[in-house]
Each structure stands twice: as structure tokens, then as C-alpha cells.
Amino acid sequence: MGTLMKNDRSFFPAIPSFFDDMLTRDWFNWPLTHNSSSVSVPAVNIKETNDTYELEVAAPGMSKEDFKVELDNNLLVISAQKESRHEEKDERGNFARREFNYQSFSRSFSLPERLVKGEEISAKYSDGILYISVPKTEEAKVKPAKQIEIH
């Protein structure tokens, strides 16, 4: 497995559009605390293997129920929403402090039409990372170099 590098030598012109969103954006830090009120977008790593595109979304503090991964035509949409509440009461049960916090994000990736198997996309959340696997069609897989016989 190699790392993702921007490359204009693609055999399939639609494939770079899948990565352009990630390679041209600024990177933001995902809030690590539950009481952060800043708006943030989690970092996403994208790896390409011969068989798949692998996305890793860094989203610590979330649970798998907070995420929604959808494929709408050729648009892969990854979103999450989390609500947290913190309440402190005095000895009489009156609120001394009450805070609500909502975190959400949405990321969209344009998938190359006909070059991915949309019905076979899978996702799992483990240790603060959402892993998404996007299988390629046979047409999108890199073919080994063909040796031409010289007569």
C-alpha cells in the first residue's frame, strides 16, 4: 500500500476529482474536548490500493451511532452529529450551571462513476477512527504492464 499523492498521470480522468476535495482543503483540528464550541472538520486520510479506496476519518469522542454514511448517485456523504449536556446542581437541586454542546460535520466526496462498486461500500468505527472502504470495479484496477513480444 502506498500513500496518496496528487498525480496528474491518471489513466482515468474522473479519479482525481475523488481526491481533489482533500488535497486542496486546509486541515482543521477536530475538537478533542466535549465542551468545545468551535466549528471543525475532522482530518481524512485517503489511501488507494489496487482493489479499493480506503478513507480514515479522525473523529475521537464519537460513537458509531453518531455517524451517517450515504451514497447519493456518485456522491459519498459522511456526516456526524453529537449532543452532550453538562449539568451542575446545588444541594437544593437548583441549577448552578447547565451547558449544552452540539458537534456536527459533513464531508462529501465525488466518486468516479462506473469505477467504484457503490453497493459494496462498507464502514466501521474503531478507536476514534471511522474506516470506509470503497471497492473499485475491474475497469478501475491498475493492470500490470504487458510485455510485447518482438518478432
C-alpha atoms as a PDB file:
ATOM      1  CA  MET A   1       0.000   0.000   0.000  1.00  0.00           C
ATOM      2  CA  GLY A   2       1.285   3.434  -0.888  1.00  0.00           C
ATOM      3  CA  THR A   3       0.325   6.816   0.377  1.00  0.00           C
ATOM      4  CA  LEU A   4      -1.916   9.143  -1.533  1.00  0.00           C
ATOM      5  CA  MET A   5      -0.087  11.660  -3.679  1.00  0.00           C
ATOM      6  CA  LYS A   6      -1.598  14.086  -6.139  1.00  0.00           C
ATOM      7  CA  ASN A   7      -0.823  12.733  -9.577  1.00  0.00           C
ATOM      8  CA  ASP A   8      -1.900  14.080 -12.961  1.00  0.00           C
ATOM      9  CA  ARG A   9      -0.804  10.909 -14.784  1.00  0.00           C
ATOM     10  CA  SER A  10      -4.041   9.041 -14.110  1.00  0.00           C
ATOM     11  CA  PHE A  11      -5.417   6.713 -16.764  1.00  0.00           C
ATOM     12  CA  PHE A  12      -8.913   7.626 -15.548  1.00  0.00           C
ATOM     13  CA  PRO A  13      -9.523  11.412 -15.500  1.00  0.00           C
ATOM     14  CA  ALA A  14     -12.512  11.037 -13.151  1.00  0.00           C
ATOM     15  CA  ILE A  15     -10.424   9.569 -10.330  1.00  0.00           C
ATOM     16  CA  PRO A  16      -8.553  12.777  -9.385  1.00  0.00           C
ATOM     17  CA  SER A  17     -11.891  14.509  -8.663  1.00  0.00           C
ATOM     18  CA  PHE A  18     -12.350  11.976  -5.843  1.00  0.00           C
ATOM     19  CA  PHE A  19      -9.225  13.315  -4.138  1.00  0.00           C
ATOM     20  CA  ASP A  20      -9.252  16.987  -5.136  1.00  0.00           C
ATOM     21  CA  ASP A  21     -11.502  17.922  -2.224  1.00  0.00           C
ATOM     22  CA  MET A  22      -8.995  16.509   0.272  1.00  0.00           C
ATOM     23  CA  LEU A  23      -5.821  17.792  -1.358  1.00  0.00           C
ATOM     24  CA  THR A  24      -6.973  21.389  -1.787  1.00  0.00           C
ATOM     25  CA  ARG A  25      -8.540  21.988   1.631  1.00  0.00           C
ATOM     26  CA  ASP A  26      -6.910  23.372   4.726  1.00  0.00           C
ATOM     27  CA  TRP A  27      -6.547  20.868   7.554  1.00  0.00           C
ATOM     28  CA  PHE A  28      -8.527  21.550  10.709  1.00  0.00           C
ATOM     29  CA  ASN A  29      -8.181  20.092  14.183  1.00  0.00           C
ATOM     30  CA  TRP A  30     -11.146  18.120  15.417  1.00  0.00           C
ATOM     31  CA  PRO A  31     -12.186  19.268  18.929  1.00  0.00           C
ATOM     32  CA  LEU A  32     -10.777  16.851  21.462  1.00  0.00           C
ATOM     33  CA  THR A  33     -12.940  18.033  24.354  1.00  0.00           C
ATOM     34  CA  HIS A  34     -16.669  17.775  24.778  1.00  0.00           C
ATOM     35  CA  ASN A  35     -17.044  21.411  25.810  1.00  0.00           C
ATOM     36  CA  SER A  36     -15.505  22.965  22.719  1.00  0.00           C
ATOM     37  CA  SER A  37     -17.817  25.294  20.854  1.00  0.00           C
ATOM     38  CA  SER A  38     -15.604  25.775  17.805  1.00  0.00           C
ATOM     39  CA  VAL A  39     -16.672  24.507  14.405  1.00  0.00           C
ATOM     40  CA  SER A  40     -14.265  21.969  12.995  1.00  0.00           C
ATOM     41  CA  VAL A  41     -13.906  19.387  10.280  1.00  0.00           C
ATOM     42  CA  PRO A  42     -12.087  16.128  11.037  1.00  0.00           C
ATOM     43  CA  ALA A  43      -8.992  15.103   9.133  1.00  0.00           C
ATOM     44  CA  VAL A  44      -9.454  12.419   6.473  1.00  0.00           C
ATOM     45  CA  ASN A  45      -6.718  10.143   5.142  1.00  0.00           C
ATOM     46  CA  ILE A  46      -7.294   8.521   1.757  1.00  0.00           C
ATOM     47  CA  LYS A  47      -5.287   5.534   0.589  1.00  0.00           C
ATOM     48  CA  GLU A  48      -5.574   3.837  -2.765  1.00  0.00           C
ATOM     49  CA  THR A  49      -4.855   0.159  -3.190  1.00  0.00           C
ATOM     50  CA  ASN A  50      -5.279  -1.827  -6.382  1.00  0.00           C
ATOM     51  CA  ASP A  51      -8.714  -3.008  -5.181  1.00  0.00           C
ATOM     52  CA  THR A  52     -10.109  -0.139  -3.070  1.00  0.00           C
ATOM     53  CA  TYR A  53     -10.021   3.436  -1.890  1.00  0.00           C
ATOM     54  CA  GLU A  54      -9.672   3.474   1.903  1.00  0.00           C
ATOM     55  CA  LEU A  55     -10.831   6.517   3.881  1.00  0.00           C
ATOM     56  CA  GLU A  56      -9.957   7.110   7.535  1.00  0.00           C
ATOM     57  CA  VAL A  57     -11.920   9.875   9.284  1.00  0.00           C
ATOM     58  CA  ALA A  58     -10.398  11.011  12.597  1.00  0.00           C
ATOM     59  CA  ALA A  59     -13.363  11.609  14.927  1.00  0.00           C
ATOM     60  CA  PRO A  60     -12.463  10.809  18.553  1.00  0.00           C
ATOM     61  CA  GLY A  61     -15.169  11.025  21.168  1.00  0.00           C
ATOM     62  CA  MET A  62     -17.918   9.968  18.785  1.00  0.00           C
ATOM     63  CA  SER A  63     -19.748   6.660  18.681  1.00  0.00           C
ATOM     64  CA  LYS A  64     -20.778   4.699  15.614  1.00  0.00           C
ATOM     65  CA  GLU A  65     -24.398   5.776  16.179  1.00  0.00           C
ATOM     66  CA  ASP A  66     -23.356   9.424  15.677  1.00  0.00           C
ATOM     67  CA  PHE A  67     -22.319   8.829  12.040  1.00  0.00           C
ATOM     68  CA  LYS A  68     -24.264   8.682   8.818  1.00  0.00           C
ATOM     69  CA  VAL A  69     -22.585   7.479   5.601  1.00  0.00           C
ATOM     70  CA  GLU A  70     -24.663   7.814   2.451  1.00  0.00           C
ATOM     71  CA  LEU A  71     -24.137   7.285  -1.253  1.00  0.00           C
ATOM     72  CA  ASP A  72     -26.319   9.622  -3.322  1.00  0.00           C
ATOM     73  CA  ASN A  73     -25.715   8.866  -7.005  1.00  0.00           C
ATOM     74  CA  ASN A  74     -21.923   9.271  -7.174  1.00  0.00           C
ATOM     75  CA  LEU A  75     -21.592  11.499  -4.068  1.00  0.00           C
ATOM     76  CA  LEU A  76     -20.296   9.869  -0.869  1.00  0.00           C
ATOM     77  CA  VAL A  77     -21.503  11.929   2.117  1.00  0.00           C
ATOM     78  CA  ILE A  78     -20.016  11.354   5.576  1.00  0.00           C
ATOM     79  CA  SER A  79     -21.690  13.231   8.408  1.00  0.00           C
ATOM     80  CA  ALA A  80     -21.932  13.066  12.182  1.00  0.00           C
ATOM     81  CA  GLN A  81     -23.873  14.799  14.909  1.00  0.00           C
ATOM     82  CA  LYS A  82     -23.288  14.550  18.648  1.00  0.00           C
ATOM     83  CA  GLU A  83     -25.016  16.275  21.527  1.00  0.00           C
ATOM     84  CA  SER A  84     -23.565  16.483  25.019  1.00  0.00           C
ATOM     85  CA  ARG A  85     -25.001  18.003  28.169  1.00  0.00           C
ATOM     86  CA  HIS A  86     -23.389  19.005  31.416  1.00  0.00           C
ATOM     87  CA  GLU A  87     -25.392  19.993  34.470  1.00  0.00           C
ATOM     88  CA  GLU A  88     -24.315  21.028  37.940  1.00  0.00           C
ATOM     89  CA  LYS A  89     -26.897  21.480  40.701  1.00  0.00           C
ATOM     90  CA  ASP A  90     -26.599  22.863  44.188  1.00  0.00           C
ATOM     91  CA  GLU A  91     -27.728  20.976  47.301  1.00  0.00           C
ATOM     92  CA  ARG A  92     -31.366  22.145  46.800  1.00  0.00           C
ATOM     93  CA  GLY A  93     -31.485  20.818  43.249  1.00  0.00           C
ATOM     94  CA  ASN A  94     -31.260  24.215  41.575  1.00  0.00           C
ATOM     95  CA  PHE A  95     -29.007  24.540  38.572  1.00  0.00           C
ATOM     96  CA  ALA A  96     -25.686  26.202  39.317  1.00  0.00           C
ATOM     97  CA  ARG A  97     -24.539  25.602  35.739  1.00  0.00           C
ATOM     98  CA  ARG A  98     -26.120  23.933  32.727  1.00  0.00           C
ATOM     99  CA  GLU A  99     -24.368  23.559  29.370  1.00  0.00           C
ATOM    100  CA  PHE A 100     -25.331  22.040  26.050  1.00  0.00           C
ATOM    101  CA  ASN A 101     -22.890  21.305  23.267  1.00  0.00           C
ATOM    102  CA  TYR A 102     -23.567  20.160  19.734  1.00  0.00           C
ATOM    103  CA  GLN A 103     -20.887  18.928  17.361  1.00  0.00           C
ATOM    104  CA  SER A 104     -21.539  18.117  13.734  1.00  0.00           C
ATOM    105  CA  PHE A 105     -19.747  17.892  10.434  1.00  0.00           C
ATOM    106  CA  SER A 106     -20.372  16.804   6.895  1.00  0.00           C
ATOM    107  CA  ARG A 107     -17.847  15.859   4.213  1.00  0.00           C
ATOM    108  CA  SER A 108     -18.678  14.974   0.623  1.00  0.00           C
ATOM    109  CA  PHE A 109     -16.574  13.146  -1.957  1.00  0.00           C
ATOM    110  CA  SER A 110     -17.412  12.806  -5.617  1.00  0.00           C
ATOM    111  CA  LEU A 111     -16.821   9.188  -6.622  1.00  0.00           C
ATOM    112  CA  PRO A 112     -15.777   8.307 -10.155  1.00  0.00           C
ATOM    113  CA  GLU A 113     -18.876   6.924 -11.834  1.00  0.00           C
ATOM    114  CA  ARG A 114     -18.571   3.351 -13.175  1.00  0.00           C
ATOM    115  CA  LEU A 115     -15.184   2.939 -11.446  1.00  0.00           C
ATOM    116  CA  VAL A 116     -16.371   2.062  -7.931  1.00  0.00           C
ATOM    117  CA  LYS A 117     -18.781  -0.560  -6.608  1.00  0.00           C
ATOM    118  CA  GLY A 118     -21.163   1.695  -4.675  1.00  0.00           C
ATOM    119  CA  GLU A 119     -23.317  -1.175  -3.444  1.00  0.00           C
ATOM    120  CA  GLU A 120     -20.275  -2.737  -1.726  1.00  0.00           C
ATOM    121  CA  ILE A 121     -19.046   0.304   0.261  1.00  0.00           C
ATOM    122  CA  SER A 122     -18.513  -0.626   3.914  1.00  0.00           C
ATOM    123  CA  ALA A 123     -17.782   1.344   7.082  1.00  0.00           C
ATOM    124  CA  LYS A 124     -16.708   0.620  10.658  1.00  0.00           C
ATOM    125  CA  TYR A 125     -15.808   2.808  13.640  1.00  0.00           C
ATOM    126  CA  SER A 126     -12.990   1.803  15.974  1.00  0.00           C
ATOM    127  CA  ASP A 127     -10.734   3.679  18.419  1.00  0.00           C
ATOM    128  CA  GLY A 128     -11.781   7.162  17.272  1.00  0.00           C
ATOM    129  CA  ILE A 129     -11.411   6.418  13.545  1.00  0.00           C
ATOM    130  CA  LEU A 130     -14.207   5.844  11.024  1.00  0.00           C
ATOM    131  CA  TYR A 131     -12.910   3.459   8.339  1.00  0.00           C
ATOM    132  CA  ILE A 132     -14.670   3.465   4.962  1.00  0.00           C
ATOM    133  CA  SER A 133     -13.766   1.053   2.173  1.00  0.00           C
ATOM    134  CA  VAL A 134     -14.809   1.873  -1.403  1.00  0.00           C
ATOM    135  CA  PRO A 135     -14.185  -1.123  -3.705  1.00  0.00           C
ATOM    136  CA  LYS A 136     -13.050  -0.471  -7.293  1.00  0.00           C
ATOM    137  CA  THR A 137     -14.537  -2.075 -10.376  1.00  0.00           C
ATOM    138  CA  GLU A 138     -12.308  -4.228 -12.565  1.00  0.00           C
ATOM    139  CA  GLU A 139     -12.114  -1.335 -15.048  1.00  0.00           C
ATOM    140  CA  ALA A 140     -10.513   0.945 -12.407  1.00  0.00           C
ATOM    141  CA  LYS A 141      -7.891  -1.506 -11.193  1.00  0.00           C
ATOM    142  CA  VAL A 142      -4.335  -0.963 -12.338  1.00  0.00           C
ATOM    143  CA  LYS A 143      -3.345  -3.604 -14.829  1.00  0.00           C
ATOM    144  CA  PRO A 144       0.201  -4.961 -14.794  1.00  0.00           C
ATOM    145  CA  ALA A 145       2.453  -3.906 -17.630  1.00  0.00           C
ATOM    146  CA  LYS A 146       2.069  -6.112 -20.662  1.00  0.00           C
ATOM    147  CA  GLN A 147       5.258  -7.399 -22.232  1.00  0.00           C
ATOM    148  CA  ILE A 148       5.113  -7.121 -26.023  1.00  0.00           C
ATOM    149  CA  GLU A 149       6.906  -9.861 -27.852  1.00  0.00           C
ATOM    150  CA  ILE A 150       9.319  -8.678 -30.512  1.00  0.00           C
ATOM    151  CA  HIS A 151       9.408 -10.827 -33.651  1.00  0.00           C
END
